[in-house]
PDB file of N, CA and C in Angstrom:
ATOM      1  N   UNK A   1     107.906 108.611  76.308  1.00  0.00           N
ATOM      2  CA  UNK A   1     106.553 108.883  75.854  1.00  0.00           C
ATOM      3  C   UNK A   1     106.173 110.299  76.278  1.00  0.00           C
ATOM      4  N   UNK A   2     105.601 111.037  75.394  1.00  0.00           N
ATOM      5  CA  UNK A   2     105.149 112.399  75.678  1.00  0.00           C
ATOM      6  C   UNK A   2     103.715 112.322  76.183  1.00  0.00           C
ATOM      7  N   UNK A   3     103.525 112.502  77.504  1.00  0.00           N
ATOM      8  CA  UNK A   3     102.175 112.397  78.066  1.00  0.00           C
ATOM      9  C   UNK A   3     101.282 113.527  77.591  1.00  0.00           C
ATOM     10  N   UNK A   4     101.858 114.625  77.147  1.00  0.00           N
ATOM     11  CA  UNK A   4     101.046 115.735  76.656  1.00  0.00           C
ATOM     12  C   UNK A   4     100.456 115.451  75.282  1.00  0.00           C
ATOM     13  N   UNK A   5     101.053 114.546  74.518  1.00  0.00           N
ATOM     14  CA  UNK A   5     100.557 114.256  73.174  1.00  0.00           C
ATOM     15  C   UNK A   5      99.122 113.744  73.229  1.00  0.00           C
ATOM     16  N   UNK A   6      98.816 112.875  74.191  1.00  0.00           N
ATOM     17  CA  UNK A   6      97.449 112.369  74.334  1.00  0.00           C
ATOM     18  C   UNK A   6      96.479 113.473  74.691  1.00  0.00           C
ATOM     19  N   UNK A   7      96.899 114.412  75.532  1.00  0.00           N
ATOM     20  CA  UNK A   7      96.041 115.534  75.896  1.00  0.00           C
ATOM     21  C   UNK A   7      95.735 116.398  74.693  1.00  0.00           C
ATOM     22  N   UNK A   8      96.750 116.671  73.891  1.00  0.00           N
ATOM     23  CA  UNK A   8      96.550 117.512  72.716  1.00  0.00           C
ATOM     24  C   UNK A   8      95.626 116.823  71.721  1.00  0.00           C
ATOM     25  N   UNK A   9      95.770 115.512  71.572  1.00  0.00           N
ATOM     26  CA  UNK A   9      94.923 114.777  70.640  1.00  0.00           C
ATOM     27  C   UNK A   9      93.466 114.804  71.101  1.00  0.00           C
ATOM     28  N   UNK A  10      93.239 114.857  72.387  1.00  0.00           N
ATOM     29  CA  UNK A  10      91.880 114.873  72.922  1.00  0.00           C
ATOM     30  C   UNK A  10      91.338 116.299  73.043  1.00  0.00           C
ATOM     31  N   UNK A  11      92.128 117.307  72.632  1.00  0.00           N
ATOM     32  CA  UNK A  11      91.672 118.681  72.687  1.00  0.00           C
ATOM     33  C   UNK A  11      91.833 119.321  74.045  1.00  0.00           C
ATOM     34  N   UNK A  12      92.603 118.707  74.931  1.00  0.00           N
ATOM     35  CA  UNK A  12      92.801 119.253  76.265  1.00  0.00           C
ATOM     36  C   UNK A  12      94.057 120.108  76.307  1.00  0.00           C
ATOM     37  N   UNK A  13      94.144 120.962  77.291  1.00  0.00           N
ATOM     38  CA  UNK A  13      95.316 121.801  77.475  1.00  0.00           C
ATOM     39  C   UNK A  13      96.285 121.105  78.426  1.00  0.00           C
ATOM     40  N   UNK A  14      97.522 120.833  77.980  1.00  0.00           N
ATOM     41  CA  UNK A  14      98.474 120.180  78.877  1.00  0.00           C
ATOM     42  C   UNK A  14      98.930 121.143  79.968  1.00  0.00           C
ATOM     43  N   UNK A  15      99.206 120.589  81.133  1.00  0.00           N
ATOM     44  CA  UNK A  15      99.703 121.360  82.266  1.00  0.00           C
ATOM     45  C   UNK A  15     101.004 120.705  82.721  1.00  0.00           C
ATOM     46  N   UNK A  16     102.077 121.476  82.770  1.00  0.00           N
ATOM     47  CA  UNK A  16     103.352 120.941  83.226  1.00  0.00           C
ATOM     48  C   UNK A  16     103.317 120.768  84.736  1.00  0.00           C
ATOM     49  N   UNK A  17     103.540 119.553  85.187  1.00  0.00           N
ATOM     50  CA  UNK A  17     103.569 119.248  86.610  1.00  0.00           C
ATOM     51  C   UNK A  17     104.962 118.739  86.924  1.00  0.00           C
ATOM     52  N   UNK A  18     105.576 119.279  87.972  1.00  0.00           N
ATOM     53  CA  UNK A  18     106.916 118.858  88.325  1.00  0.00           C
ATOM     54  C   UNK A  18     107.067 118.658  89.815  1.00  0.00           C
ATOM     55  N   UNK A  19     108.133 117.978  90.184  1.00  0.00           N
ATOM     56  CA  UNK A  19     108.436 117.736  91.583  1.00  0.00           C
ATOM     57  C   UNK A  19     109.939 117.675  91.765  1.00  0.00           C
ATOM     58  N   UNK A  20     110.393 118.007  92.951  1.00  0.00           N
ATOM     59  CA  UNK A  20     111.815 117.873  93.253  1.00  0.00           C
ATOM     60  C   UNK A  20     112.048 116.668  94.153  1.00  0.00           C
ATOM     61  N   UNK A  21     111.038 115.819  94.303  1.00  0.00           N
ATOM     62  CA  UNK A  21     111.145 114.623  95.115  1.00  0.00           C
ATOM     63  C   UNK A  21     110.245 113.563  94.484  1.00  0.00           C
ATOM     64  N   UNK A  22     110.265 112.368  95.009  1.00  0.00           N
ATOM     65  CA  UNK A  22     109.449 111.293  94.454  1.00  0.00           C
ATOM     66  C   UNK A  22     107.979 111.470  94.822  1.00  0.00           C
ATOM     67  N   UNK A  23     107.076 111.233  93.874  1.00  0.00           N
ATOM     68  CA  UNK A  23     105.651 111.262  94.208  1.00  0.00           C
ATOM     69  C   UNK A  23     105.276 109.998  94.986  1.00  0.00           C
ATOM     70  N   UNK A  24     104.134 110.048  95.665  1.00  0.00           N
ATOM     71  CA  UNK A  24     103.614 108.894  96.388  1.00  0.00           C
ATOM     72  C   UNK A  24     102.198 108.610  95.894  1.00  0.00           C
ATOM     73  N   UNK A  25     101.736 107.380  96.106  1.00  0.00           N
ATOM     74  CA  UNK A  25     100.411 106.997  95.613  1.00  0.00           C
ATOM     75  C   UNK A  25      99.741 106.050  96.597  1.00  0.00           C
ATOM     76  N   UNK A  26      98.420 106.077  96.589  1.00  0.00           N
ATOM     77  CA  UNK A  26      97.611 105.114  97.333  1.00  0.00           C
ATOM     78  C   UNK A  26      96.300 104.939  96.579  1.00  0.00           C
ATOM     79  N   UNK A  27      95.526 103.987  96.988  1.00  0.00           N
ATOM     80  CA  UNK A  27      94.219 103.722  96.386  1.00  0.00           C
ATOM     81  C   UNK A  27      93.148 103.988  97.440  1.00  0.00           C
ATOM     82  N   UNK A  28      92.084 104.675  97.023  1.00  0.00           N
ATOM     83  CA  UNK A  28      90.912 104.885  97.878  1.00  0.00           C
ATOM     84  C   UNK A  28      89.696 104.511  97.052  1.00  0.00           C
ATOM     85  N   UNK A  29      89.040 103.420  97.430  1.00  0.00           N
ATOM     86  CA  UNK A  29      87.907 102.929  96.640  1.00  0.00           C
ATOM     87  C   UNK A  29      88.371 102.588  95.241  1.00  0.00           C
ATOM     88  N   UNK A  30      87.751 103.206  94.238  1.00  0.00           N
ATOM     89  CA  UNK A  30      88.136 102.999  92.841  1.00  0.00           C
ATOM     90  C   UNK A  30      89.029 104.109  92.316  1.00  0.00           C
ATOM     91  N   UNK A  31      89.587 104.921  93.209  1.00  0.00           N
ATOM     92  CA  UNK A  31      90.434 106.049  92.808  1.00  0.00           C
ATOM     93  C   UNK A  31      91.899 105.779  93.127  1.00  0.00           C
ATOM     94  N   UNK A  32      92.769 106.224  92.248  1.00  0.00           N
ATOM     95  CA  UNK A  32      94.192 106.288  92.519  1.00  0.00           C
ATOM     96  C   UNK A  32      94.473 107.715  92.974  1.00  0.00           C
ATOM     97  N   UNK A  33      95.162 107.887  94.087  1.00  0.00           N
ATOM     98  CA  UNK A  33      95.471 109.209  94.613  1.00  0.00           C
ATOM     99  C   UNK A  33      96.981 109.394  94.574  1.00  0.00           C
ATOM    100  N   UNK A  34      97.438 110.480  93.964  1.00  0.00           N
ATOM    101  CA  UNK A  34      98.856 110.809  93.877  1.00  0.00           C
ATOM    102  C   UNK A  34      99.116 112.080  94.679  1.00  0.00           C
ATOM    103  N   UNK A  35     100.289 112.155  95.315  1.00  0.00           N
ATOM    104  CA  UNK A  35     100.685 113.368  96.034  1.00  0.00           C
ATOM    105  C   UNK A  35     102.168 113.606  95.787  1.00  0.00           C
ATOM    106  N   UNK A  36     102.581 114.886  95.794  1.00  0.00           N
ATOM    107  CA  UNK A  36     103.974 115.234  95.532  1.00  0.00           C
ATOM    108  C   UNK A  36     104.276 116.622  96.052  1.00  0.00           C
ATOM    109  N   UNK A  37     105.566 116.902  96.210  1.00  0.00           N
ATOM    110  CA  UNK A  37     106.059 118.226  96.545  1.00  0.00           C
ATOM    111  C   UNK A  37     106.324 118.959  95.238  1.00  0.00           C
ATOM    112  N   UNK A  38     106.243 120.269  95.257  1.00  0.00           N
ATOM    113  CA  UNK A  38     106.475 121.060  94.045  1.00  0.00           C
ATOM    114  C   UNK A  38     107.915 121.015  93.549  1.00  0.00           C
ATOM    115  N   UNK A  39     108.160 121.747  92.498  1.00  0.00           N
ATOM    116  CA  UNK A  39     109.493 121.830  91.888  1.00  0.00           C
ATOM    117  C   UNK A  39     110.462 122.539  92.840  1.00  0.00           C
ATOM    118  N   UNK A  40     111.764 122.513  92.567  1.00  0.00           N
ATOM    119  CA  UNK A  40     112.703 123.223  93.440  1.00  0.00           C
ATOM    120  C   UNK A  40     112.255 124.671  93.669  1.00  0.00           C
ATOM    121  N   UNK A  41     112.217 125.080  94.928  1.00  0.00           N
ATOM    122  CA  UNK A  41     111.754 126.416  95.282  1.00  0.00           C
ATOM    123  C   UNK A  41     110.269 126.480  95.607  1.00  0.00           C
ATOM    124  N   UNK A  42     109.511 125.453  95.246  1.00  0.00           N
ATOM    125  CA  UNK A  42     108.072 125.368  95.541  1.00  0.00           C
ATOM    126  C   UNK A  42     107.906 124.334  96.648  1.00  0.00           C
ATOM    127  N   UNK A  43     107.600 124.779  97.854  1.00  0.00           N
ATOM    128  CA  UNK A  43     107.488 123.877  98.992  1.00  0.00           C
ATOM    129  C   UNK A  43     106.074 123.362  99.200  1.00  0.00           C
ATOM    130  N   UNK A  44     105.154 123.741  98.320  1.00  0.00           N
ATOM    131  CA  UNK A  44     103.758 123.312  98.440  1.00  0.00           C
ATOM    132  C   UNK A  44     103.633 121.806  98.210  1.00  0.00           C
ATOM    133  N   UNK A  45     102.605 121.224  98.807  1.00  0.00           N
ATOM    134  CA  UNK A  45     102.250 119.838  98.551  1.00  0.00           C
ATOM    135  C   UNK A  45     101.031 119.830  97.638  1.00  0.00           C
ATOM    136  N   UNK A  46     101.040 118.916  96.693  1.00  0.00           N
ATOM    137  CA  UNK A  46     100.008 118.829  95.670  1.00  0.00           C
ATOM    138  C   UNK A  46      99.449 117.422  95.624  1.00  0.00           C
ATOM    139  N   UNK A  47      98.216 117.279  95.146  1.00  0.00           N
ATOM    140  CA  UNK A  47      97.658 115.950  94.944  1.00  0.00           C
ATOM    141  C   UNK A  47      96.713 115.956  93.747  1.00  0.00           C
ATOM    142  N   UNK A  48      96.416 114.753  93.270  1.00  0.00           N
ATOM    143  CA  UNK A  48      95.524 114.566  92.137  1.00  0.00           C
ATOM    144  C   UNK A  48      94.852 113.202  92.281  1.00  0.00           C
ATOM    145  N   UNK A  49      93.646 113.088  91.755  1.00  0.00           N
ATOM    146  CA  UNK A  49      92.907 111.834  91.769  1.00  0.00           C
ATOM    147  C   UNK A  49      92.795 111.295  90.352  1.00  0.00           C
ATOM    148  N   UNK A  50      92.853 109.960  90.203  1.00  0.00           N
ATOM    149  CA  UNK A  50      92.576 109.309  88.932  1.00  0.00           C
ATOM    150  C   UNK A  50      91.361 108.427  89.157  1.00  0.00           C
ATOM    151  N   UNK A  51      90.274 108.770  88.478  1.00  0.00           N
ATOM    152  CA  UNK A  51      89.020 108.056  88.646  1.00  0.00           C
ATOM    153  C   UNK A  51      88.267 108.023  87.327  1.00  0.00           C
ATOM    154  N   UNK A  52      87.687 106.896  87.007  1.00  0.00           N
ATOM    155  CA  UNK A  52      86.894 106.727  85.784  1.00  0.00           C
ATOM    156  C   UNK A  52      87.676 107.139  84.548  1.00  0.00           C
ATOM    157  N   UNK A  53      88.980 106.807  84.527  1.00  0.00           N
ATOM    158  CA  UNK A  53      89.812 107.052  83.352  1.00  0.00           C
ATOM    159  C   UNK A  53      90.308 108.468  83.194  1.00  0.00           C
ATOM    160  N   UNK A  54      90.100 109.328  84.194  1.00  0.00           N
ATOM    161  CA  UNK A  54      90.539 110.718  84.079  1.00  0.00           C
ATOM    162  C   UNK A  54      91.214 111.185  85.360  1.00  0.00           C
ATOM    163  N   UNK A  55      92.226 112.055  85.191  1.00  0.00           N
ATOM    164  CA  UNK A  55      92.863 112.706  86.327  1.00  0.00           C
ATOM    165  C   UNK A  55      92.150 114.017  86.643  1.00  0.00           C
ATOM    166  N   UNK A  56      92.067 114.322  87.923  1.00  0.00           N
ATOM    167  CA  UNK A  56      91.639 115.666  88.314  1.00  0.00           C
ATOM    168  C   UNK A  56      92.817 116.587  88.024  1.00  0.00           C
ATOM    169  N   UNK A  57      92.616 117.856  88.088  1.00  0.00           N
ATOM    170  CA  UNK A  57      93.750 118.763  87.998  1.00  0.00           C
ATOM    171  C   UNK A  57      94.589 118.649  89.255  1.00  0.00           C
ATOM    172  N   UNK A  58      95.782 119.242  89.236  1.00  0.00           N
ATOM    173  CA  UNK A  58      96.577 119.226  90.455  1.00  0.00           C
ATOM    174  C   UNK A  58      95.965 120.193  91.460  1.00  0.00           C
ATOM    175  N   UNK A  59      95.893 119.751  92.707  1.00  0.00           N
ATOM    176  CA  UNK A  59      95.240 120.507  93.767  1.00  0.00           C
ATOM    177  C   UNK A  59      96.273 120.781  94.857  1.00  0.00           C
ATOM    178  N   UNK A  60      96.415 122.025  95.246  1.00  0.00           N
ATOM    179  CA  UNK A  60      97.363 122.390  96.294  1.00  0.00           C
ATOM    180  C   UNK A  60      96.741 122.150  97.667  1.00  0.00           C
ATOM    181  N   UNK A  61      97.544 121.632  98.590  1.00  0.00           N
ATOM    182  CA  UNK A  61      97.104 121.507  99.976  1.00  0.00           C
ATOM    183  C   UNK A  61      97.357 122.868 100.621  1.00  0.00           C
ATOM    184  N   UNK A  62      96.325 123.583 101.040  1.00  0.00           N
ATOM    185  CA  UNK A  62      96.509 124.951 101.529  1.00  0.00           C
ATOM    186  C   UNK A  62      97.288 125.030 102.840  1.00  0.00           C
ATOM    187  N   UNK A  63      98.107 126.059 102.939  1.00  0.00           N
ATOM    188  CA  UNK A  63      98.811 126.421 104.171  1.00  0.00           C
ATOM    189  C   UNK A  63      99.754 125.365 104.711  1.00  0.00           C
ATOM    190  N   UNK A  64     100.306 124.511 103.850  1.00  0.00           N
ATOM    191  CA  UNK A  64     101.318 123.542 104.273  1.00  0.00           C
ATOM    192  C   UNK A  64     102.464 123.558 103.273  1.00  0.00           C
ATOM    193  N   UNK A  65     103.603 123.093 103.726  1.00  0.00           N
ATOM    194  CA  UNK A  65     104.761 122.998 102.857  1.00  0.00           C
ATOM    195  C   UNK A  65     105.721 121.961 103.393  1.00  0.00           C
ATOM    196  N   UNK A  66     106.699 121.600 102.584  1.00  0.00           N
ATOM    197  CA  UNK A  66     107.642 120.571 102.980  1.00  0.00           C
ATOM    198  C   UNK A  66     108.948 120.750 102.219  1.00  0.00           C
ATOM    199  N   UNK A  67     110.041 120.419 102.866  1.00  0.00           N
ATOM    200  CA  UNK A  67     111.341 120.372 102.193  1.00  0.00           C
ATOM    201  C   UNK A  67     111.511 119.047 101.470  1.00  0.00           C
ATOM    202  N   UNK A  68     110.764 118.043 101.894  1.00  0.00           N
ATOM    203  CA  UNK A  68     110.831 116.703 101.308  1.00  0.00           C
ATOM    204  C   UNK A  68     109.448 116.344 100.784  1.00  0.00           C
ATOM    205  N   UNK A  69     109.368 115.253 100.082  1.00  0.00           N
ATOM    206  CA  UNK A  69     108.074 114.817  99.574  1.00  0.00           C
ATOM    207  C   UNK A  69     107.177 114.293 100.681  1.00  0.00           C
ATOM    208  N   UNK A  70     105.885 114.166 100.424  1.00  0.00           N
ATOM    209  CA  UNK A  70     104.935 113.721 101.432  1.00  0.00           C
ATOM    210  C   UNK A  70     104.899 112.196 101.562  1.00  0.00           C
ATOM    211  N   UNK A  71     104.286 111.748 102.640  1.00  0.00           N
ATOM    212  CA  UNK A  71     103.853 110.370 102.786  1.00  0.00           C
ATOM    213  C   UNK A  71     102.341 110.370 102.640  1.00  0.00           C
ATOM    214  N   UNK A  72     101.771 109.297 102.123  1.00  0.00           N
ATOM    215  CA  UNK A  72     100.329 109.249 101.864  1.00  0.00           C
ATOM    216  C   UNK A  72      99.824 107.842 102.135  1.00  0.00           C
ATOM    217  N   UNK A  73      98.700 107.741 102.849  1.00  0.00           N
ATOM    218  CA  UNK A  73      98.090 106.431 103.047  1.00  0.00           C
ATOM    219  C   UNK A  73      96.588 106.562 103.163  1.00  0.00           C
ATOM    220  N   UNK A  74      95.933 105.442 102.923  1.00  0.00           N
ATOM    221  CA  UNK A  74      94.490 105.346 103.056  1.00  0.00           C
ATOM    222  C   UNK A  74      94.218 104.618 104.363  1.00  0.00           C
ATOM    223  N   UNK A  75      93.587 105.282 105.299  1.00  0.00           N
ATOM    224  CA  UNK A  75      93.270 104.701 106.597  1.00  0.00           C
ATOM    225  C   UNK A  75      91.755 104.647 106.724  1.00  0.00           C
ATOM    226  N   UNK A  76      91.177 103.483 106.465  1.00  0.00           N
ATOM    227  CA  UNK A  76      89.713 103.308 106.513  1.00  0.00           C
ATOM    228  C   UNK A  76      88.995 104.314 105.623  1.00  0.00           C
ATOM    229  N   UNK A  77      89.435 104.448 104.386  1.00  0.00           N
ATOM    230  CA  UNK A  77      88.878 105.371 103.387  1.00  0.00           C
ATOM    231  C   UNK A  77      89.045 106.829 103.741  1.00  0.00           C
ATOM    232  N   UNK A  78      89.975 107.127 104.625  1.00  0.00           N
ATOM    233  CA  UNK A  78      90.332 108.505 104.945  1.00  0.00           C
ATOM    234  C   UNK A  78      91.791 108.701 104.539  1.00  0.00           C
ATOM    235  N   UNK A  79      92.053 109.684 103.696  1.00  0.00           N
ATOM    236  CA  UNK A  79      93.413 109.931 103.230  1.00  0.00           C
ATOM    237  C   UNK A  79      94.205 110.670 104.300  1.00  0.00           C
ATOM    238  N   UNK A  80      95.416 110.181 104.550  1.00  0.00           N
ATOM    239  CA  UNK A  80      96.314 110.801 105.518  1.00  0.00           C
ATOM    240  C   UNK A  80      97.575 111.212 104.761  1.00  0.00           C
ATOM    241  N   UNK A  81      97.895 112.493 104.819  1.00  0.00           N
ATOM    242  CA  UNK A  81      99.068 113.052 104.139  1.00  0.00           C
ATOM    243  C   UNK A  81      99.965 113.631 105.205  1.00  0.00           C
ATOM    244  N   UNK A  82     101.230 113.227 105.230  1.00  0.00           N
ATOM    245  CA  UNK A  82     102.166 113.728 106.234  1.00  0.00           C
ATOM    246  C   UNK A  82     103.475 114.088 105.577  1.00  0.00           C
TER     247      UNK A  82
END
């Protein structure tokens, strides 16, 4: 399935998101939270929220990096990324 096809049909601009490791997910309230490491050569950690039927854009975690993908959990409605 081409996930960009739905974006184009809705008039949105598709953004290519990639990772060199497995993404992780957790739930906080009514939101799905995803986190991942960037593509090969990109050591940044990224996250996105899915709420009310829409994803936020990808958001970089400033001043951190990883050779492997992150771990993510919801601890009393506080997101912990390691």
